[in-house]
Amino acid sequence: MFFFRQKQAPGMSPAEAIEGARDGSVTVIDVREHGEVAMSGKAKGALHIPLMRLRDMADPRHPDFHPDLNSTSRIAIYCASGGRSGAAANTLRQLGYEDVHNIGGFGHWVKAGGAVERG
């Protein structure tokens, strides 16, 4: 029996995500909960879409679709440690987004020199 995996884009490091966010070539999404973002801030320019809302907000057919999302964009996702962002990447791929990357946790963004904004 053969199992076919969805084609996955090559990996993206937090440093590459930071550079892409700076030059506008990467959309960064923070999938942590509101309380987590309130305590630590978020990556500068990142969209804050909690994981529980991602399926609705990333689906162009849904009334809550986020207008800043595009299925052809390069997307970097992070959470607190990388687990939820992995699930978020899978969700986006199921919705037809192709160039999606789990860059780990917020701490990885900060350690790589990414700017933080508070809210």
N, C-alpha and C. Protein backbone atom coordinates (compact mmCIF):
# COMPACT_ATOMS: atom_id res chain seq x y z
N MET A 1 0.84 -1.17 0.00
CA MET A 1 0.00 0.00 0.00
C MET A 1 0.89 1.24 0.00
N PHE A 2 0.51 2.24 -0.79
CA PHE A 2 1.28 3.47 -0.88
C PHE A 2 0.54 4.60 -0.18
N PHE A 3 1.30 5.41 0.49
CA PHE A 3 0.74 6.59 1.13
C PHE A 3 1.37 7.80 0.47
N PHE A 4 0.54 8.75 0.10
CA PHE A 4 1.03 9.95 -0.56
C PHE A 4 0.95 11.10 0.40
N ARG A 5 2.04 11.78 0.55
CA ARG A 5 2.08 12.96 1.41
C ARG A 5 1.92 14.19 0.55
N GLN A 6 1.34 15.21 1.14
CA GLN A 6 1.25 16.46 0.42
C GLN A 6 2.65 17.01 0.23
N LYS A 7 2.87 17.63 -0.90
CA LYS A 7 4.15 18.26 -1.17
C LYS A 7 4.35 19.38 -0.16
N GLN A 8 5.51 19.39 0.46
CA GLN A 8 5.79 20.42 1.44
C GLN A 8 6.89 21.34 0.93
N ALA A 9 6.73 22.62 1.23
CA ALA A 9 7.72 23.61 0.82
C ALA A 9 8.99 23.40 1.64
N PRO A 10 10.15 23.76 1.07
CA PRO A 10 11.39 23.67 1.84
C PRO A 10 11.28 24.50 3.11
N GLY A 11 12.02 24.14 4.14
CA GLY A 11 11.94 24.82 5.42
C GLY A 11 12.34 26.29 5.37
N MET A 12 11.89 27.02 6.38
CA MET A 12 12.23 28.43 6.53
C MET A 12 12.69 28.63 7.97
N SER A 13 13.82 29.25 8.15
CA SER A 13 14.32 29.52 9.50
C SER A 13 13.66 30.79 10.04
N PRO A 14 13.71 30.97 11.36
CA PRO A 14 13.20 32.23 11.91
C PRO A 14 13.91 33.45 11.31
N ALA A 15 15.22 33.35 11.07
CA ALA A 15 15.95 34.48 10.48
C ALA A 15 15.44 34.80 9.08
N GLU A 16 15.14 33.76 8.30
CA GLU A 16 14.58 33.98 6.96
C GLU A 16 13.19 34.60 7.04
N ALA A 17 12.41 34.19 8.03
CA ALA A 17 11.07 34.77 8.23
C ALA A 17 11.18 36.24 8.60
N ILE A 18 12.15 36.58 9.44
CA ILE A 18 12.36 37.98 9.85
C ILE A 18 12.70 38.83 8.63
N GLU A 19 13.62 38.35 7.81
CA GLU A 19 14.01 39.09 6.60
C GLU A 19 12.82 39.22 5.65
N GLY A 20 12.06 38.14 5.47
CA GLY A 20 10.90 38.20 4.60
C GLY A 20 9.81 39.13 5.12
N ALA A 21 9.64 39.17 6.43
CA ALA A 21 8.66 40.09 7.02
C ALA A 21 9.11 41.54 6.78
N ARG A 22 10.41 41.78 6.88
CA ARG A 22 10.93 43.14 6.65
C ARG A 22 10.70 43.60 5.21
N ASP A 23 10.94 42.69 4.25
CA ASP A 23 10.83 43.12 2.85
C ASP A 23 9.44 42.85 2.25
N GLY A 24 8.54 42.31 3.06
CA GLY A 24 7.17 42.11 2.61
C GLY A 24 6.92 40.85 1.81
N SER A 25 7.93 39.96 1.73
CA SER A 25 7.76 38.74 0.95
C SER A 25 7.19 37.58 1.76
N VAL A 26 7.06 37.75 3.08
CA VAL A 26 6.54 36.70 3.96
C VAL A 26 5.45 37.28 4.84
N THR A 27 4.34 36.56 4.96
CA THR A 27 3.28 36.88 5.91
C THR A 27 3.53 36.04 7.15
N VAL A 28 3.65 36.68 8.30
CA VAL A 28 3.89 35.98 9.56
C VAL A 28 2.58 35.90 10.34
N ILE A 29 2.29 34.71 10.85
CA ILE A 29 1.07 34.49 11.63
C ILE A 29 1.43 33.95 13.01
N ASP A 30 0.90 34.61 14.04
CA ASP A 30 1.03 34.17 15.44
C ASP A 30 -0.27 33.45 15.79
N VAL A 31 -0.19 32.15 16.13
CA VAL A 31 -1.40 31.38 16.42
C VAL A 31 -1.61 31.16 17.93
N ARG A 32 -0.91 31.94 18.77
CA ARG A 32 -1.11 31.81 20.21
C ARG A 32 -2.44 32.45 20.63
N GLU A 33 -2.84 32.17 21.85
CA GLU A 33 -4.07 32.73 22.40
C GLU A 33 -3.87 34.20 22.77
N HIS A 34 -4.97 34.91 22.91
CA HIS A 34 -4.92 36.35 23.21
C HIS A 34 -4.11 36.67 24.46
N GLY A 35 -4.29 35.88 25.52
CA GLY A 35 -3.56 36.13 26.76
C GLY A 35 -2.06 36.01 26.60
N GLU A 36 -1.62 35.06 25.80
CA GLU A 36 -0.18 34.88 25.56
C GLU A 36 0.40 36.09 24.84
N VAL A 37 -0.31 36.58 23.84
CA VAL A 37 0.16 37.74 23.09
C VAL A 37 0.14 38.98 23.98
N ALA A 38 -0.88 39.11 24.81
CA ALA A 38 -0.96 40.26 25.72
C ALA A 38 0.22 40.29 26.69
N MET A 39 0.69 39.11 27.11
CA MET A 39 1.80 39.05 28.06
C MET A 39 3.16 39.33 27.42
N SER A 40 3.36 38.87 26.20
CA SER A 40 4.71 38.95 25.62
C SER A 40 4.82 39.83 24.39
N GLY A 41 3.71 40.25 23.81
CA GLY A 41 3.75 40.93 22.53
C GLY A 41 3.80 39.89 21.42
N LYS A 42 3.97 40.37 20.19
CA LYS A 42 4.02 39.47 19.03
C LYS A 42 5.07 39.99 18.06
N ALA A 43 5.39 39.16 17.10
CA ALA A 43 6.34 39.56 16.07
C ALA A 43 5.81 40.81 15.37
N LYS A 44 6.68 41.77 15.15
CA LYS A 44 6.27 43.02 14.51
C LYS A 44 5.68 42.72 13.13
N GLY A 45 4.47 43.21 12.93
CA GLY A 45 3.78 43.02 11.66
C GLY A 45 3.04 41.71 11.50
N ALA A 46 3.15 40.82 12.49
CA ALA A 46 2.48 39.51 12.38
C ALA A 46 0.97 39.66 12.50
N LEU A 47 0.26 38.79 11.80
CA LEU A 47 -1.17 38.68 11.99
C LEU A 47 -1.40 37.81 13.22
N HIS A 48 -2.29 38.22 14.09
CA HIS A 48 -2.61 37.38 15.24
C HIS A 48 -3.92 36.67 14.95
N ILE A 49 -3.81 35.36 14.71
CA ILE A 49 -4.99 34.53 14.46
C ILE A 49 -4.85 33.29 15.33
N PRO A 50 -5.54 33.25 16.48
CA PRO A 50 -5.44 32.07 17.34
C PRO A 50 -5.78 30.79 16.59
N LEU A 51 -5.10 29.72 16.93
CA LEU A 51 -5.26 28.45 16.24
C LEU A 51 -6.72 28.04 16.12
N MET A 52 -7.50 28.24 17.16
CA MET A 52 -8.91 27.82 17.14
C MET A 52 -9.72 28.59 16.11
N ARG A 53 -9.25 29.73 15.65
CA ARG A 53 -9.96 30.55 14.67
C ARG A 53 -9.38 30.44 13.26
N LEU A 54 -8.23 29.78 13.14
CA LEU A 54 -7.49 29.79 11.88
C LEU A 54 -8.29 29.20 10.72
N ARG A 55 -8.94 28.07 10.92
CA ARG A 55 -9.66 27.43 9.81
C ARG A 55 -10.69 28.39 9.20
N ASP A 56 -11.43 29.10 10.03
CA ASP A 56 -12.43 30.06 9.53
C ASP A 56 -11.75 31.27 8.87
N MET A 57 -10.76 31.82 9.54
CA MET A 57 -10.16 33.08 9.08
C MET A 57 -9.24 32.89 7.87
N ALA A 58 -8.85 31.65 7.57
CA ALA A 58 -8.00 31.39 6.41
C ALA A 58 -8.79 30.84 5.22
N ASP A 59 -10.08 30.65 5.41
CA ASP A 59 -10.91 30.10 4.35
C ASP A 59 -11.63 31.24 3.62
N PRO A 60 -11.28 31.51 2.36
CA PRO A 60 -11.88 32.64 1.64
C PRO A 60 -13.40 32.56 1.51
N ARG A 61 -13.98 31.38 1.71
CA ARG A 61 -15.44 31.23 1.62
C ARG A 61 -16.14 31.61 2.92
N HIS A 62 -15.37 31.78 4.00
CA HIS A 62 -15.97 32.05 5.32
C HIS A 62 -16.14 33.56 5.53
N PRO A 63 -17.22 33.97 6.18
CA PRO A 63 -17.43 35.41 6.41
C PRO A 63 -16.34 36.07 7.27
N ASP A 64 -15.64 35.28 8.08
CA ASP A 64 -14.57 35.83 8.92
C ASP A 64 -13.20 35.76 8.27
N PHE A 65 -13.14 35.50 6.97
CA PHE A 65 -11.86 35.42 6.26
C PHE A 65 -11.03 36.68 6.48
N HIS A 66 -9.75 36.48 6.78
CA HIS A 66 -8.84 37.61 7.00
C HIS A 66 -8.33 38.10 5.65
N PRO A 67 -8.59 39.36 5.30
CA PRO A 67 -8.23 39.85 3.97
C PRO A 67 -6.72 39.91 3.69
N ASP A 68 -5.89 39.81 4.71
CA ASP A 68 -4.44 39.86 4.51
C ASP A 68 -3.85 38.49 4.19
N LEU A 69 -4.68 37.46 4.12
CA LEU A 69 -4.19 36.12 3.79
C LEU A 69 -4.38 35.85 2.31
N ASN A 70 -3.40 35.17 1.74
CA ASN A 70 -3.44 34.84 0.32
C ASN A 70 -2.81 33.46 0.17
N SER A 71 -3.48 32.57 -0.50
CA SER A 71 -2.99 31.19 -0.61
C SER A 71 -1.71 31.07 -1.43
N THR A 72 -1.33 32.12 -2.15
CA THR A 72 -0.09 32.07 -2.93
C THR A 72 1.08 32.76 -2.24
N SER A 73 0.85 33.32 -1.07
CA SER A 73 1.92 34.00 -0.32
C SER A 73 2.82 33.00 0.41
N ARG A 74 4.04 33.43 0.71
CA ARG A 74 4.90 32.66 1.62
C ARG A 74 4.43 33.00 3.02
N ILE A 75 4.20 31.97 3.83
CA ILE A 75 3.65 32.17 5.17
C ILE A 75 4.54 31.49 6.19
N ALA A 76 4.88 32.24 7.25
CA ALA A 76 5.63 31.71 8.39
C ALA A 76 4.71 31.74 9.60
N ILE A 77 4.62 30.63 10.32
CA ILE A 77 3.73 30.52 11.47
C ILE A 77 4.53 30.19 12.71
N TYR A 78 4.17 30.81 13.84
CA TYR A 78 4.79 30.44 15.11
C TYR A 78 3.73 30.43 16.20
N CYS A 79 4.07 29.77 17.32
CA CYS A 79 3.23 29.74 18.51
C CYS A 79 4.16 29.96 19.71
N ALA A 80 3.96 29.21 20.77
CA ALA A 80 4.85 29.35 21.93
C ALA A 80 6.07 28.45 21.79
N SER A 81 5.88 27.23 21.24
CA SER A 81 7.01 26.30 21.17
C SER A 81 7.14 25.59 19.82
N GLY A 82 6.13 25.64 18.98
CA GLY A 82 6.19 24.99 17.68
C GLY A 82 5.13 23.94 17.44
N GLY A 83 4.46 23.48 18.48
CA GLY A 83 3.44 22.45 18.33
C GLY A 83 2.19 22.95 17.64
N ARG A 84 1.61 24.02 18.16
CA ARG A 84 0.39 24.56 17.55
C ARG A 84 0.67 25.11 16.16
N SER A 85 1.86 25.68 15.97
CA SER A 85 2.17 26.21 14.63
C SER A 85 2.30 25.09 13.62
N GLY A 86 2.72 23.91 14.06
CA GLY A 86 2.75 22.75 13.17
C GLY A 86 1.34 22.35 12.75
N ALA A 87 0.43 22.34 13.71
CA ALA A 87 -0.97 22.03 13.41
C ALA A 87 -1.56 23.10 12.50
N ALA A 88 -1.20 24.36 12.73
CA ALA A 88 -1.69 25.46 11.90
C ALA A 88 -1.20 25.33 10.47
N ALA A 89 0.06 24.95 10.30
CA ALA A 89 0.61 24.75 8.95
C ALA A 89 -0.16 23.67 8.22
N ASN A 90 -0.48 22.59 8.91
CA ASN A 90 -1.27 21.51 8.29
C ASN A 90 -2.66 22.00 7.89
N THR A 91 -3.28 22.79 8.75
CA THR A 91 -4.60 23.35 8.45
C THR A 91 -4.54 24.21 7.19
N LEU A 92 -3.54 25.07 7.11
CA LEU A 92 -3.44 25.93 5.92
C LEU A 92 -3.20 25.11 4.66
N ARG A 93 -2.38 24.09 4.75
CA ARG A 93 -2.14 23.23 3.57
C ARG A 93 -3.44 22.55 3.14
N GLN A 94 -4.25 22.11 4.10
CA GLN A 94 -5.54 21.50 3.77
C GLN A 94 -6.46 22.48 3.05
N LEU A 95 -6.29 23.76 3.33
CA LEU A 95 -7.11 24.80 2.70
C LEU A 95 -6.53 25.28 1.37
N GLY A 96 -5.40 24.69 0.96
CA GLY A 96 -4.83 25.04 -0.34
C GLY A 96 -3.65 25.99 -0.32
N TYR A 97 -3.20 26.38 0.86
CA TYR A 97 -2.00 27.21 0.96
C TYR A 97 -0.79 26.30 0.75
N GLU A 98 0.15 26.72 -0.07
CA GLU A 98 1.24 25.83 -0.43
C GLU A 98 2.57 26.15 0.22
N ASP A 99 2.90 27.42 0.33
CA ASP A 99 4.23 27.84 0.80
C ASP A 99 4.14 28.24 2.28
N VAL A 100 3.93 27.23 3.14
CA VAL A 100 3.65 27.43 4.56
C VAL A 100 4.77 26.82 5.39
N HIS A 101 5.25 27.57 6.40
CA HIS A 101 6.40 27.13 7.19
C HIS A 101 6.16 27.32 8.67
N ASN A 102 6.43 26.28 9.44
CA ASN A 102 6.41 26.35 10.90
C ASN A 102 7.80 26.79 11.33
N ILE A 103 7.90 28.00 11.88
CA ILE A 103 9.21 28.50 12.31
C ILE A 103 9.44 28.30 13.80
N GLY A 104 8.55 27.56 14.46
CA GLY A 104 8.75 27.23 15.87
C GLY A 104 7.98 28.14 16.81
N GLY A 105 8.67 28.58 17.85
CA GLY A 105 8.03 29.39 18.88
C GLY A 105 8.42 30.85 18.83
N PHE A 106 7.68 31.65 19.58
CA PHE A 106 7.94 33.08 19.68
C PHE A 106 9.38 33.34 20.13
N GLY A 107 9.87 32.50 21.03
CA GLY A 107 11.25 32.64 21.50
C GLY A 107 12.26 32.48 20.37
N HIS A 108 11.97 31.64 19.39
CA HIS A 108 12.85 31.48 18.24
C HIS A 108 12.92 32.77 17.43
N TRP A 109 11.77 33.42 17.28
CA TRP A 109 11.70 34.71 16.57
C TRP A 109 12.57 35.74 17.29
N VAL A 110 12.39 35.82 18.61
CA VAL A 110 13.13 36.81 19.41
C VAL A 110 14.62 36.51 19.39
N LYS A 111 14.99 35.24 19.58
CA LYS A 111 16.40 34.85 19.60
C LYS A 111 17.09 35.16 18.28
N ALA A 112 16.35 35.09 17.16
CA ALA A 112 16.91 35.37 15.84
C ALA A 112 16.99 36.87 15.55
N GLY A 113 16.53 37.70 16.51
CA GLY A 113 16.63 39.14 16.35
C GLY A 113 15.38 39.82 15.82
N GLY A 114 14.26 39.10 15.81
CA GLY A 114 13.02 39.67 15.30
C GLY A 114 12.46 40.74 16.21
N ALA A 115 11.92 41.78 15.60
CA ALA A 115 11.31 42.88 16.35
C ALA A 115 9.98 42.40 16.96
N VAL A 116 9.66 42.98 18.11
CA VAL A 116 8.44 42.64 18.84
C VAL A 116 7.60 43.90 19.01
N GLU A 117 6.30 43.74 18.85
CA GLU A 117 5.38 44.87 19.11
C GLU A 117 4.39 44.45 20.17
N ARG A 118 4.02 45.42 20.98
CA ARG A 118 3.05 45.18 22.05
C ARG A 118 1.82 46.01 21.76
N GLY A 119 0.70 45.42 22.16
CA GLY A 119 -0.45 46.00 21.88
C GLY A 119 -1.48 46.80 21.96
